């Protein structure tokens, strides 16, 4: 049985990014995988100090926070799905600190190489910067030597003005803007996140035997 881990980089627990990740894990469970969802906001993660100790050996000089525990979770997983809300077409600050602190898993030895990785993002609008945030997460995944899984459109929006609505179009419309209660009402995003979960498991089942042999 493959293990699929979801990492939520939102500062808000159990909200929209969580819902997207939960949908991914639901799809993974349908394929028989074991799953776990971690909320980064629950953990003490200090910023990278840039000391470059991890250039010499695969360990971090910071030992008095929770990143060691989270690193073990990453190493134990066969597939990892990273989720973040979009802030100025980028990932959240919390997710970026976490990403920076994985340098010890990458520089001296690429310890996540061969695992399967995937990303989900969420913003107010369909054209709300998800694409750029997605590129950042996917680049992070591939730099770790992970194999990228995807589906057609695993991004969410809470604006209820149509799939192609933009911020400027929304502002030009008369009357108040219409918002969904949560991204769970974005049927396209939830459907694609389910599919992403299934794709992650299928890919992990193929590559895990080779990675562990």
Protein backbone atom coordinates (compact mmCIF):
# COMPACT_ATOMS: atom_id res chain seq x y z
CA UNK A 1 0.00 0.00 0.00
CA UNK A 2 1.43 3.36 -1.01
CA UNK A 3 1.42 6.30 1.39
CA UNK A 4 0.20 9.68 0.16
CA UNK A 5 0.96 12.78 2.24
CA UNK A 6 -0.71 16.17 1.76
CA UNK A 7 0.95 19.37 3.00
CA UNK A 8 -1.32 22.38 3.54
CA UNK A 9 0.50 25.70 3.40
CA UNK A 10 -2.55 27.79 4.29
CA UNK A 11 -2.59 29.90 7.44
CA UNK A 12 -6.28 28.93 7.81
CA UNK A 13 -6.93 25.39 9.00
CA UNK A 14 -9.68 23.37 7.39
CA UNK A 15 -10.57 25.99 4.78
CA UNK A 16 -10.34 26.11 0.99
CA UNK A 17 -6.84 24.74 0.41
CA UNK A 18 -7.61 22.00 2.92
CA UNK A 19 -10.75 21.13 0.93
CA UNK A 20 -8.75 20.74 -2.29
CA UNK A 21 -6.18 18.54 -0.57
CA UNK A 22 -8.92 16.51 1.10
CA UNK A 23 -10.42 15.88 -2.34
CA UNK A 24 -7.04 14.71 -3.61
CA UNK A 25 -6.71 12.32 -0.68
CA UNK A 26 -10.24 11.05 -1.22
CA UNK A 27 -9.26 10.12 -4.77
CA UNK A 28 -6.13 8.44 -3.42
CA UNK A 29 -8.15 6.44 -0.89
CA UNK A 30 -10.39 5.21 -3.70
CA UNK A 31 -7.24 3.65 -5.17
CA UNK A 32 -6.40 1.90 -1.89
CA UNK A 33 -3.69 4.27 -0.62
CA UNK A 34 -3.12 5.27 2.98
CA UNK A 35 -3.31 9.05 3.42
CA UNK A 36 -2.40 11.82 5.83
CA UNK A 37 -2.95 15.59 5.72
CA UNK A 38 -0.61 17.93 7.60
CA UNK A 39 -1.49 21.55 8.38
CA UNK A 40 1.79 23.50 8.51
CA UNK A 41 0.16 26.12 10.74
CA UNK A 42 0.13 23.51 13.53
CA UNK A 43 3.92 23.31 13.56
CA UNK A 44 6.82 25.49 14.61
CA UNK A 45 8.94 26.02 11.49
CA UNK A 46 11.76 28.53 11.75
CA UNK A 47 13.10 30.28 8.63
CA UNK A 48 16.20 28.92 6.93
CA UNK A 49 19.33 30.63 8.27
CA UNK A 50 21.30 30.26 5.06
CA UNK A 51 24.18 28.68 6.99
CA UNK A 52 24.74 26.11 4.22
CA UNK A 53 25.61 23.32 6.64
CA UNK A 54 23.40 21.06 4.51
CA UNK A 55 25.85 21.48 1.63
CA UNK A 56 28.19 19.08 3.45
CA UNK A 57 25.77 16.55 4.93
CA UNK A 58 22.02 15.92 4.70
CA UNK A 59 20.91 17.48 7.94
CA UNK A 60 19.74 20.90 9.10
CA UNK A 61 21.56 22.97 11.70
CA UNK A 62 18.21 24.05 13.18
CA UNK A 63 17.13 21.35 15.62
CA UNK A 64 14.77 23.16 18.01
CA UNK A 65 11.66 23.24 15.84
CA UNK A 66 9.34 20.75 14.11
CA UNK A 67 11.04 20.52 10.72
CA UNK A 68 12.87 17.34 11.65
CA UNK A 69 9.54 15.64 12.32
CA UNK A 70 8.06 16.95 9.07
CA UNK A 71 11.15 15.81 7.17
CA UNK A 72 10.59 12.26 8.41
CA UNK A 73 7.00 12.44 7.18
CA UNK A 74 8.24 13.45 3.73
CA UNK A 75 10.74 10.60 3.66
CA UNK A 76 8.13 8.03 4.70
CA UNK A 77 5.66 9.02 1.96
CA UNK A 78 5.53 7.56 -1.54
CA UNK A 79 3.60 10.53 -2.91
CA UNK A 80 3.42 14.11 -1.61
CA UNK A 81 0.82 16.72 -2.57
CA UNK A 82 1.63 20.34 -1.74
CA UNK A 83 -1.21 22.84 -1.44
CA UNK A 84 -1.15 26.59 -1.02
CA UNK A 85 -3.44 29.59 -1.26
CA UNK A 86 -2.26 32.22 -3.72
CA UNK A 87 -0.76 35.44 -2.37
CA UNK A 88 0.36 37.89 -5.09
CA UNK A 89 0.68 35.04 -7.63
CA UNK A 90 2.91 33.11 -5.25
CA UNK A 91 2.67 30.55 -2.47
CA UNK A 92 1.93 31.59 1.10
CA UNK A 93 4.76 32.74 3.36
CA UNK A 94 4.22 29.67 5.52
CA UNK A 95 4.64 27.34 2.54
CA UNK A 96 7.73 29.22 1.34
CA UNK A 97 9.42 28.90 4.75
CA UNK A 98 8.66 25.17 4.69
CA UNK A 99 10.04 24.85 1.16
CA UNK A 100 13.24 26.66 2.09
CA UNK A 101 13.74 24.41 5.09
CA UNK A 102 13.77 21.29 2.90
CA UNK A 103 17.21 22.24 1.58
CA UNK A 104 18.79 19.57 3.78
CA UNK A 105 16.77 16.96 1.87
CA UNK A 106 18.16 18.21 -1.42
CA UNK A 107 21.64 19.75 -1.44
CA UNK A 108 24.09 17.14 -0.13
CA UNK A 109 21.86 14.24 -1.14
CA UNK A 110 18.60 14.30 -3.09
CA UNK A 111 16.61 12.32 -0.54
CA UNK A 112 13.14 12.79 -2.08
CA UNK A 113 14.24 11.70 -5.54
CA UNK A 114 11.92 9.20 -7.19
CA UNK A 115 8.88 9.99 -5.06
CA UNK A 116 5.74 11.31 -6.72
CA UNK A 117 4.80 14.95 -6.21
CA UNK A 118 1.79 17.09 -7.09
CA UNK A 119 0.38 20.54 -6.38
CA UNK A 120 -2.95 22.27 -5.82
CA UNK A 121 -3.59 25.99 -5.47
CA UNK A 122 -6.54 28.16 -4.56
CA UNK A 123 -7.40 31.83 -5.06
CA UNK A 124 -10.43 34.09 -5.11
CA UNK A 125 -10.75 34.01 -8.92
CA UNK A 126 -10.04 31.46 -11.63
CA UNK A 127 -7.43 33.82 -13.08
CA UNK A 128 -6.15 34.79 -9.66
CA UNK A 129 -2.49 33.82 -9.97
CA UNK A 130 -2.91 30.08 -9.50
CA UNK A 131 -0.89 29.33 -12.63
CA UNK A 132 2.22 31.11 -11.37
CA UNK A 133 1.91 29.65 -7.87
CA UNK A 134 1.46 26.25 -9.49
CA UNK A 135 4.65 26.69 -11.50
CA UNK A 136 6.54 27.58 -8.31
CA UNK A 137 5.30 24.45 -6.52
CA UNK A 138 5.91 22.20 -9.49
CA UNK A 139 9.42 23.59 -9.94
CA UNK A 140 10.06 22.87 -6.25
CA UNK A 141 8.82 19.30 -6.78
CA UNK A 142 11.01 18.62 -9.80
CA UNK A 143 14.10 20.20 -8.22
CA UNK A 144 13.77 17.60 -5.48
CA UNK A 145 13.96 14.94 -8.19
CA UNK A 146 10.34 13.95 -7.67
CA UNK A 147 8.14 12.69 -10.49
CA UNK A 148 5.36 15.15 -11.21
CA UNK A 149 1.75 13.98 -11.32
CA UNK A 150 -1.03 16.26 -12.55
CA UNK A 151 -4.59 16.53 -13.74
CA UNK A 152 -6.15 19.06 -16.08
CA UNK A 153 -7.10 21.85 -13.68
CA UNK A 154 -6.51 21.20 -9.94
CA UNK A 155 -7.03 24.86 -8.98
CA UNK A 156 -9.89 26.39 -7.04
CA UNK A 157 -11.73 29.70 -6.98
CA UNK A 158 -14.42 31.10 -4.69
CA UNK A 159 -15.71 33.84 -7.00
CA UNK A 160 -19.02 32.67 -8.42
CA UNK A 161 -18.85 34.63 -11.66
CA UNK A 162 -17.93 31.90 -14.12
CA UNK A 163 -14.85 29.89 -14.88
CA UNK A 164 -13.22 32.63 -16.95
CA UNK A 165 -14.01 35.55 -14.67
CA UNK A 166 -11.15 37.94 -13.96
CA UNK A 167 -10.76 40.49 -11.18
CA UNK A 168 -11.32 43.43 -13.54
CA UNK A 169 -14.40 41.86 -15.09
CA UNK A 170 -15.80 41.24 -11.63
CA UNK A 171 -15.16 44.84 -10.55
CA UNK A 172 -16.87 46.20 -13.68
CA UNK A 173 -20.08 44.27 -13.11
CA UNK A 174 -22.90 46.15 -11.44
CA UNK A 175 -24.06 44.94 -8.06
CA UNK A 176 -22.16 43.09 -5.34
CA UNK A 177 -19.69 40.36 -6.24
CA UNK A 178 -21.04 36.84 -5.77
CA UNK A 179 -18.88 34.46 -3.76
CA UNK A 180 -19.18 30.75 -3.15
CA UNK A 181 -19.37 29.68 0.47
CA UNK A 182 -16.25 27.59 -0.10
CA UNK A 183 -14.19 26.06 -2.87
CA UNK A 184 -16.14 22.85 -2.32
CA UNK A 185 -18.82 24.43 -4.54
CA UNK A 186 -16.26 24.66 -7.38
CA UNK A 187 -17.26 21.41 -9.06
CA UNK A 188 -14.48 21.55 -11.65
CA UNK A 189 -11.74 21.96 -9.06
CA UNK A 190 -13.06 19.22 -6.77
CA UNK A 191 -13.47 16.79 -9.66
CA UNK A 192 -9.95 17.45 -10.92
CA UNK A 193 -8.49 17.10 -7.42
CA UNK A 194 -10.16 13.69 -7.10
CA UNK A 195 -8.55 12.73 -10.40
CA UNK A 196 -5.20 14.10 -9.26
CA UNK A 197 -5.32 11.84 -6.21
CA UNK A 198 -5.95 8.82 -8.39
CA UNK A 199 -3.14 9.83 -10.73
CA UNK A 200 -0.69 10.23 -7.85
CA UNK A 201 -1.43 6.71 -6.60
CA UNK A 202 -1.21 5.12 -10.05
CA UNK A 203 2.17 6.74 -10.63
CA UNK A 204 3.46 5.94 -7.13
CA UNK A 205 2.51 2.28 -7.53
CA UNK A 206 4.61 2.16 -10.68
CA UNK A 207 7.73 3.88 -9.43
CA UNK A 208 7.90 2.93 -5.73
CA UNK A 209 9.18 -0.64 -6.31
CA UNK A 210 12.08 0.73 -8.38
CA UNK A 211 12.86 3.50 -5.88
CA UNK A 212 13.03 1.10 -2.90
CA UNK A 213 14.88 -1.73 -4.64
